N, C-alpha and C. Protein backbone atom coordinates (compact mmCIF):
# COMPACT_ATOMS: atom_id res chain seq x y z
N UNK A 1 -22.35 -68.01 -71.35
CA UNK A 1 -23.00 -69.31 -71.46
C UNK A 1 -21.99 -70.40 -71.78
N UNK A 2 -21.01 -70.09 -72.64
CA UNK A 2 -19.99 -71.07 -72.97
C UNK A 2 -19.19 -71.44 -71.73
N UNK A 3 -18.91 -70.44 -70.90
CA UNK A 3 -18.15 -70.69 -69.67
C UNK A 3 -18.95 -71.59 -68.75
N UNK A 4 -20.23 -71.29 -68.59
CA UNK A 4 -21.08 -72.10 -67.72
C UNK A 4 -21.15 -73.55 -68.20
N UNK A 5 -21.34 -73.72 -69.50
CA UNK A 5 -21.42 -75.07 -70.06
C UNK A 5 -20.11 -75.82 -69.85
N UNK A 6 -19.02 -75.14 -70.07
CA UNK A 6 -17.70 -75.76 -69.87
C UNK A 6 -17.52 -76.17 -68.41
N UNK A 7 -17.91 -75.30 -67.50
CA UNK A 7 -17.78 -75.62 -66.08
C UNK A 7 -18.69 -76.78 -65.68
N UNK A 8 -19.89 -76.81 -66.22
CA UNK A 8 -20.81 -77.91 -65.91
C UNK A 8 -20.23 -79.24 -66.39
N UNK A 9 -19.63 -79.22 -67.58
CA UNK A 9 -19.00 -80.45 -68.08
C UNK A 9 -17.86 -80.90 -67.17
N UNK A 10 -17.07 -79.92 -66.74
CA UNK A 10 -15.93 -80.22 -65.87
C UNK A 10 -16.42 -80.82 -64.54
N UNK A 11 -17.44 -80.22 -63.96
CA UNK A 11 -17.96 -80.73 -62.70
C UNK A 11 -18.59 -82.11 -62.87
N UNK A 12 -19.26 -82.31 -63.97
CA UNK A 12 -19.85 -83.62 -64.23
C UNK A 12 -18.76 -84.69 -64.33
N UNK A 13 -17.68 -84.37 -65.02
CA UNK A 13 -16.57 -85.32 -65.11
C UNK A 13 -15.99 -85.62 -63.73
N UNK A 14 -15.85 -84.56 -62.92
CA UNK A 14 -15.30 -84.76 -61.58
C UNK A 14 -16.24 -85.59 -60.71
N UNK A 15 -17.53 -85.35 -60.83
CA UNK A 15 -18.50 -86.13 -60.05
C UNK A 15 -18.48 -87.60 -60.48
N UNK A 16 -18.36 -87.84 -61.77
CA UNK A 16 -18.27 -89.22 -62.25
C UNK A 16 -17.02 -89.89 -61.70
N UNK A 17 -15.93 -89.13 -61.64
CA UNK A 17 -14.68 -89.64 -61.11
C UNK A 17 -14.84 -89.96 -59.61
N UNK A 18 -15.54 -89.07 -58.91
CA UNK A 18 -15.76 -89.27 -57.48
C UNK A 18 -16.54 -90.54 -57.19
N UNK A 19 -17.48 -90.84 -58.05
CA UNK A 19 -18.31 -92.02 -57.81
C UNK A 19 -17.49 -93.32 -57.86
N UNK A 20 -16.29 -93.25 -58.41
CA UNK A 20 -15.44 -94.43 -58.50
C UNK A 20 -14.38 -94.50 -57.40
N UNK A 21 -14.28 -93.43 -56.59
CA UNK A 21 -13.28 -93.38 -55.52
C UNK A 21 -13.67 -94.26 -54.34
N UNK A 22 -12.63 -94.81 -53.69
CA UNK A 22 -12.90 -95.50 -52.43
C UNK A 22 -13.43 -94.48 -51.42
N UNK A 23 -14.18 -94.92 -50.46
CA UNK A 23 -14.87 -94.04 -49.53
C UNK A 23 -13.93 -93.09 -48.78
N UNK A 24 -12.76 -93.53 -48.38
CA UNK A 24 -11.87 -92.66 -47.59
C UNK A 24 -11.34 -91.48 -48.41
N UNK A 25 -11.21 -91.67 -49.71
CA UNK A 25 -10.76 -90.57 -50.57
C UNK A 25 -11.91 -89.66 -50.97
N UNK A 26 -13.10 -90.14 -50.84
CA UNK A 26 -14.28 -89.41 -51.28
C UNK A 26 -14.42 -88.07 -50.56
N UNK A 27 -14.23 -88.04 -49.23
CA UNK A 27 -14.38 -86.80 -48.47
C UNK A 27 -13.39 -85.74 -48.95
N UNK A 28 -12.15 -86.14 -49.13
CA UNK A 28 -11.13 -85.20 -49.58
C UNK A 28 -11.49 -84.65 -50.97
N UNK A 29 -11.89 -85.51 -51.85
CA UNK A 29 -12.26 -85.08 -53.20
C UNK A 29 -13.50 -84.19 -53.19
N UNK A 30 -14.45 -84.49 -52.33
CA UNK A 30 -15.66 -83.66 -52.23
C UNK A 30 -15.32 -82.26 -51.70
N UNK A 31 -14.44 -82.18 -50.71
CA UNK A 31 -14.02 -80.87 -50.19
C UNK A 31 -13.36 -80.05 -51.31
N UNK A 32 -12.52 -80.71 -52.08
CA UNK A 32 -11.87 -80.04 -53.20
C UNK A 32 -12.92 -79.53 -54.20
N UNK A 33 -13.87 -80.36 -54.53
CA UNK A 33 -14.92 -79.98 -55.48
C UNK A 33 -15.76 -78.83 -54.94
N UNK A 34 -16.08 -78.85 -53.66
CA UNK A 34 -16.86 -77.77 -53.04
C UNK A 34 -16.10 -76.45 -53.15
N UNK A 35 -14.80 -76.46 -52.84
CA UNK A 35 -13.99 -75.24 -52.96
C UNK A 35 -13.98 -74.73 -54.40
N UNK A 36 -13.86 -75.63 -55.33
CA UNK A 36 -13.83 -75.24 -56.73
C UNK A 36 -15.17 -74.65 -57.17
N UNK A 37 -16.26 -75.23 -56.73
CA UNK A 37 -17.60 -74.70 -57.05
C UNK A 37 -17.78 -73.32 -56.43
N UNK A 38 -17.33 -73.14 -55.19
CA UNK A 38 -17.44 -71.83 -54.53
C UNK A 38 -16.65 -70.77 -55.30
N UNK A 39 -15.46 -71.12 -55.75
CA UNK A 39 -14.66 -70.18 -56.54
C UNK A 39 -15.36 -69.85 -57.86
N UNK A 40 -15.96 -70.84 -58.46
CA UNK A 40 -16.67 -70.63 -59.72
C UNK A 40 -17.85 -69.68 -59.52
N UNK A 41 -18.56 -69.86 -58.43
CA UNK A 41 -19.70 -68.97 -58.13
C UNK A 41 -19.20 -67.54 -57.94
N UNK A 42 -18.10 -67.38 -57.18
CA UNK A 42 -17.52 -66.05 -56.99
C UNK A 42 -17.12 -65.43 -58.32
N UNK A 43 -16.47 -66.24 -59.17
CA UNK A 43 -16.05 -65.74 -60.48
C UNK A 43 -17.26 -65.36 -61.33
N UNK A 44 -18.33 -66.15 -61.26
CA UNK A 44 -19.53 -65.85 -62.04
C UNK A 44 -20.17 -64.55 -61.55
N UNK A 45 -20.18 -64.34 -60.23
CA UNK A 45 -20.71 -63.09 -59.68
C UNK A 45 -19.90 -61.90 -60.18
N UNK A 46 -18.58 -62.04 -60.20
CA UNK A 46 -17.72 -60.96 -60.68
C UNK A 46 -17.96 -60.72 -62.17
N UNK A 47 -18.11 -61.79 -62.93
CA UNK A 47 -18.37 -61.68 -64.36
C UNK A 47 -19.72 -60.99 -64.61
N UNK A 48 -20.73 -61.31 -63.83
CA UNK A 48 -22.04 -60.68 -63.98
C UNK A 48 -21.97 -59.18 -63.69
N UNK A 49 -21.22 -58.81 -62.65
CA UNK A 49 -21.04 -57.40 -62.32
C UNK A 49 -20.32 -56.67 -63.44
N UNK A 50 -19.28 -57.29 -63.98
CA UNK A 50 -18.55 -56.70 -65.10
C UNK A 50 -19.47 -56.53 -66.30
N UNK A 51 -20.29 -57.54 -66.59
CA UNK A 51 -21.21 -57.46 -67.71
C UNK A 51 -22.20 -56.31 -67.53
N UNK A 52 -22.69 -56.10 -66.33
CA UNK A 52 -23.61 -54.98 -66.07
C UNK A 52 -22.92 -53.65 -66.34
N UNK A 53 -21.66 -53.53 -65.90
CA UNK A 53 -20.91 -52.29 -66.12
C UNK A 53 -20.69 -52.05 -67.61
N UNK A 54 -20.34 -53.11 -68.33
CA UNK A 54 -20.11 -52.99 -69.78
C UNK A 54 -21.39 -52.57 -70.48
N UNK A 55 -22.52 -53.15 -70.10
CA UNK A 55 -23.80 -52.79 -70.71
C UNK A 55 -24.15 -51.33 -70.46
N UNK A 56 -23.85 -50.83 -69.27
CA UNK A 56 -24.10 -49.42 -68.95
C UNK A 56 -23.22 -48.52 -69.82
N UNK A 57 -21.94 -48.86 -69.90
CA UNK A 57 -21.01 -48.08 -70.71
C UNK A 57 -21.42 -48.15 -72.17
N UNK A 58 -21.79 -49.35 -72.63
CA UNK A 58 -22.15 -49.53 -74.03
C UNK A 58 -23.42 -48.76 -74.39
N UNK A 59 -24.36 -48.65 -73.47
CA UNK A 59 -25.59 -47.89 -73.73
C UNK A 59 -25.25 -46.43 -74.01
N UNK A 60 -24.35 -45.87 -73.22
CA UNK A 60 -23.93 -44.49 -73.41
C UNK A 60 -23.18 -44.34 -74.74
N UNK A 61 -22.31 -45.29 -75.03
CA UNK A 61 -21.56 -45.28 -76.28
C UNK A 61 -22.51 -45.38 -77.47
N UNK A 62 -23.49 -46.26 -77.36
CA UNK A 62 -24.47 -46.44 -78.44
C UNK A 62 -25.23 -45.14 -78.70
N UNK A 63 -25.61 -44.44 -77.64
CA UNK A 63 -26.30 -43.15 -77.81
C UNK A 63 -25.41 -42.17 -78.56
N UNK A 64 -24.13 -42.14 -78.21
CA UNK A 64 -23.18 -41.24 -78.88
C UNK A 64 -23.05 -41.58 -80.36
N UNK A 65 -22.96 -42.87 -80.67
CA UNK A 65 -22.85 -43.30 -82.07
C UNK A 65 -24.11 -42.91 -82.83
N UNK A 66 -25.28 -43.18 -82.24
CA UNK A 66 -26.54 -42.86 -82.92
C UNK A 66 -26.68 -41.35 -83.16
N UNK A 67 -26.19 -40.54 -82.22
CA UNK A 67 -26.26 -39.09 -82.37
C UNK A 67 -25.31 -38.61 -83.47
N UNK A 68 -24.18 -39.28 -83.59
CA UNK A 68 -23.15 -38.87 -84.56
C UNK A 68 -23.42 -39.40 -85.97
N UNK A 69 -23.96 -40.63 -86.07
CA UNK A 69 -24.18 -41.26 -87.38
C UNK A 69 -25.66 -41.61 -87.51
N UNK A 70 -26.36 -40.85 -88.30
CA UNK A 70 -27.79 -41.09 -88.49
C UNK A 70 -28.01 -42.39 -89.26
N UNK A 71 -28.99 -43.18 -88.82
CA UNK A 71 -29.34 -44.41 -89.51
C UNK A 71 -28.38 -45.56 -89.29
N UNK A 72 -27.57 -45.48 -88.24
CA UNK A 72 -26.60 -46.55 -87.96
C UNK A 72 -27.35 -47.81 -87.51
N UNK A 73 -26.91 -48.96 -88.01
CA UNK A 73 -27.59 -50.22 -87.68
C UNK A 73 -26.99 -50.84 -86.41
N UNK A 74 -27.68 -51.84 -85.89
CA UNK A 74 -27.19 -52.55 -84.70
C UNK A 74 -25.85 -53.22 -85.01
N UNK A 75 -25.71 -53.79 -86.20
CA UNK A 75 -24.46 -54.43 -86.61
C UNK A 75 -23.32 -53.40 -86.66
N UNK A 76 -23.62 -52.21 -87.14
CA UNK A 76 -22.61 -51.15 -87.22
C UNK A 76 -22.22 -50.65 -85.83
N UNK A 77 -23.17 -50.62 -84.92
CA UNK A 77 -22.87 -50.23 -83.54
C UNK A 77 -21.94 -51.27 -82.90
N UNK A 78 -22.22 -52.54 -83.16
CA UNK A 78 -21.36 -53.60 -82.65
C UNK A 78 -19.95 -53.44 -83.21
N UNK A 79 -19.86 -53.13 -84.50
CA UNK A 79 -18.57 -52.91 -85.13
C UNK A 79 -17.84 -51.75 -84.46
N UNK A 80 -18.55 -50.67 -84.21
CA UNK A 80 -17.95 -49.51 -83.54
C UNK A 80 -17.47 -49.87 -82.14
N UNK A 81 -18.23 -50.67 -81.43
CA UNK A 81 -17.82 -51.10 -80.09
C UNK A 81 -16.51 -51.88 -80.15
N UNK A 82 -16.37 -52.73 -81.15
CA UNK A 82 -15.15 -53.52 -81.29
C UNK A 82 -13.97 -52.66 -81.73
N UNK A 83 -14.25 -51.65 -82.55
CA UNK A 83 -13.21 -50.68 -82.92
C UNK A 83 -12.76 -49.93 -81.67
N UNK A 84 -13.74 -49.53 -80.87
CA UNK A 84 -13.47 -48.74 -79.66
C UNK A 84 -12.53 -49.46 -78.69
N UNK A 85 -12.65 -50.77 -78.60
CA UNK A 85 -11.76 -51.48 -77.67
C UNK A 85 -10.43 -51.87 -78.32
N UNK A 86 -10.21 -51.36 -79.55
CA UNK A 86 -8.91 -51.49 -80.18
C UNK A 86 -8.67 -52.77 -80.96
N UNK A 87 -9.73 -53.43 -81.39
CA UNK A 87 -9.56 -54.68 -82.13
C UNK A 87 -9.19 -54.42 -83.59
N UNK A 88 -8.36 -55.30 -84.13
CA UNK A 88 -7.98 -55.23 -85.54
C UNK A 88 -9.10 -55.83 -86.39
N UNK A 89 -8.99 -55.62 -87.71
CA UNK A 89 -9.98 -56.21 -88.62
C UNK A 89 -10.04 -57.72 -88.47
N UNK A 90 -8.88 -58.34 -88.33
CA UNK A 90 -8.83 -59.80 -88.20
C UNK A 90 -9.53 -60.26 -86.93
N UNK A 91 -9.30 -59.57 -85.82
CA UNK A 91 -9.94 -59.93 -84.55
C UNK A 91 -11.45 -59.73 -84.63
N UNK A 92 -11.86 -58.63 -85.23
CA UNK A 92 -13.30 -58.36 -85.39
C UNK A 92 -13.93 -59.44 -86.26
N UNK A 93 -13.24 -59.80 -87.33
CA UNK A 93 -13.76 -60.83 -88.23
C UNK A 93 -13.98 -62.15 -87.49
N UNK A 94 -13.06 -62.52 -86.62
CA UNK A 94 -13.21 -63.76 -85.86
C UNK A 94 -14.41 -63.69 -84.93
N UNK A 95 -14.57 -62.58 -84.26
CA UNK A 95 -15.68 -62.43 -83.30
C UNK A 95 -17.03 -62.45 -84.01
N UNK A 96 -17.10 -61.79 -85.15
CA UNK A 96 -18.37 -61.69 -85.88
C UNK A 96 -18.57 -62.83 -86.89
N UNK A 97 -17.62 -63.75 -86.94
CA UNK A 97 -17.68 -64.88 -87.89
C UNK A 97 -17.82 -64.38 -89.33
N UNK A 98 -16.98 -63.42 -89.66
CA UNK A 98 -16.97 -62.83 -91.01
C UNK A 98 -15.56 -62.90 -91.58
N UNK A 99 -15.44 -62.59 -92.85
CA UNK A 99 -14.13 -62.49 -93.49
C UNK A 99 -13.55 -61.11 -93.22
N UNK A 100 -12.23 -61.02 -93.27
CA UNK A 100 -11.55 -59.74 -93.09
C UNK A 100 -12.04 -58.72 -94.12
N UNK A 101 -12.24 -59.17 -95.34
CA UNK A 101 -12.71 -58.27 -96.41
C UNK A 101 -14.11 -57.74 -96.11
N UNK A 102 -14.93 -58.54 -95.46
CA UNK A 102 -16.28 -58.11 -95.08
C UNK A 102 -16.19 -56.98 -94.05
N UNK A 103 -15.29 -57.11 -93.10
CA UNK A 103 -15.12 -56.08 -92.07
C UNK A 103 -14.65 -54.78 -92.73
N UNK A 104 -13.73 -54.88 -93.68
CA UNK A 104 -13.28 -53.68 -94.39
C UNK A 104 -14.45 -53.02 -95.12
N UNK A 105 -15.31 -53.84 -95.72
CA UNK A 105 -16.50 -53.30 -96.40
C UNK A 105 -17.44 -52.61 -95.42
N UNK A 106 -17.65 -53.24 -94.27
CA UNK A 106 -18.50 -52.63 -93.23
C UNK A 106 -17.95 -51.27 -92.82
N UNK A 107 -16.65 -51.22 -92.60
CA UNK A 107 -16.03 -49.95 -92.19
C UNK A 107 -16.16 -48.90 -93.28
N UNK A 108 -15.98 -49.31 -94.52
CA UNK A 108 -16.10 -48.38 -95.65
C UNK A 108 -17.51 -47.79 -95.71
N UNK A 109 -18.52 -48.65 -95.61
CA UNK A 109 -19.91 -48.16 -95.65
C UNK A 109 -20.22 -47.27 -94.45
N UNK A 110 -19.72 -47.64 -93.30
CA UNK A 110 -19.95 -46.83 -92.10
C UNK A 110 -19.28 -45.46 -92.23
N UNK A 111 -18.10 -45.45 -92.79
CA UNK A 111 -17.37 -44.18 -93.03
C UNK A 111 -18.20 -43.27 -93.93
N UNK A 112 -18.79 -43.84 -94.97
CA UNK A 112 -19.63 -43.06 -95.89
C UNK A 112 -20.87 -42.52 -95.16
N UNK A 113 -21.48 -43.38 -94.35
CA UNK A 113 -22.67 -42.98 -93.60
C UNK A 113 -22.36 -41.84 -92.64
N UNK A 114 -21.14 -41.86 -92.08
CA UNK A 114 -20.72 -40.84 -91.13
C UNK A 114 -20.24 -39.57 -91.82
N UNK A 115 -20.12 -39.62 -93.15
CA UNK A 115 -19.67 -38.44 -93.89
C UNK A 115 -18.19 -38.17 -93.72
N UNK A 116 -17.41 -39.21 -93.52
CA UNK A 116 -15.97 -39.06 -93.32
C UNK A 116 -15.22 -39.44 -94.58
N UNK A 117 -13.97 -38.98 -94.66
CA UNK A 117 -13.17 -39.22 -95.86
C UNK A 117 -12.35 -40.50 -95.82
N UNK A 118 -12.08 -41.01 -94.63
CA UNK A 118 -11.24 -42.22 -94.56
C UNK A 118 -11.67 -43.11 -93.40
N UNK A 119 -11.26 -44.36 -93.49
CA UNK A 119 -11.54 -45.30 -92.40
C UNK A 119 -10.78 -44.89 -91.15
N UNK A 120 -9.58 -44.33 -91.34
CA UNK A 120 -8.79 -43.83 -90.18
C UNK A 120 -9.57 -42.75 -89.44
N UNK A 121 -10.24 -41.86 -90.17
CA UNK A 121 -11.07 -40.84 -89.53
C UNK A 121 -12.22 -41.47 -88.75
N UNK A 122 -12.81 -42.50 -89.34
CA UNK A 122 -13.88 -43.22 -88.65
C UNK A 122 -13.36 -43.81 -87.34
N UNK A 123 -12.23 -44.49 -87.42
CA UNK A 123 -11.64 -45.11 -86.22
C UNK A 123 -11.30 -44.04 -85.18
N UNK A 124 -10.76 -42.90 -85.62
CA UNK A 124 -10.45 -41.81 -84.68
C UNK A 124 -11.72 -41.29 -84.01
N UNK A 125 -12.78 -41.10 -84.82
CA UNK A 125 -14.04 -40.60 -84.29
C UNK A 125 -14.60 -41.56 -83.24
N UNK A 126 -14.58 -42.84 -83.55
CA UNK A 126 -15.10 -43.85 -82.62
C UNK A 126 -14.30 -43.84 -81.32
N UNK A 127 -13.00 -43.74 -81.43
CA UNK A 127 -12.15 -43.75 -80.23
C UNK A 127 -12.40 -42.51 -79.35
N UNK A 128 -12.80 -41.41 -79.97
CA UNK A 128 -13.04 -40.16 -79.22
C UNK A 128 -14.41 -40.14 -78.55
N UNK A 129 -15.32 -41.01 -78.96
CA UNK A 129 -16.67 -41.03 -78.37
C UNK A 129 -16.65 -41.66 -77.00
């Protein structure tokens, strides 16, 4: 959604700019804008396909997490997904709009729920799923 909004703003700015062009330059600028819109549509189609694939993979991963850790919450599954793709505590904190210490606490509680002895074991388990 952020990408779409950003692109809409960009196109709006370009259209406003076009409205001020002399007529002879208008055709050239419109052709450029059309090509850019077509590329954006292609990119959006590719992004949608990628999102579908990620959702399919994530559904399988979520099932594995739920089977391995009883009573795991949606927030904890999201945390596991971010661990799985190799994100650090700092990166996870930025994505979830949390403090680094909060992420460490989440991992600690999840480790306890999973019956593991260390956060490293938790991370290893998640990576193996």
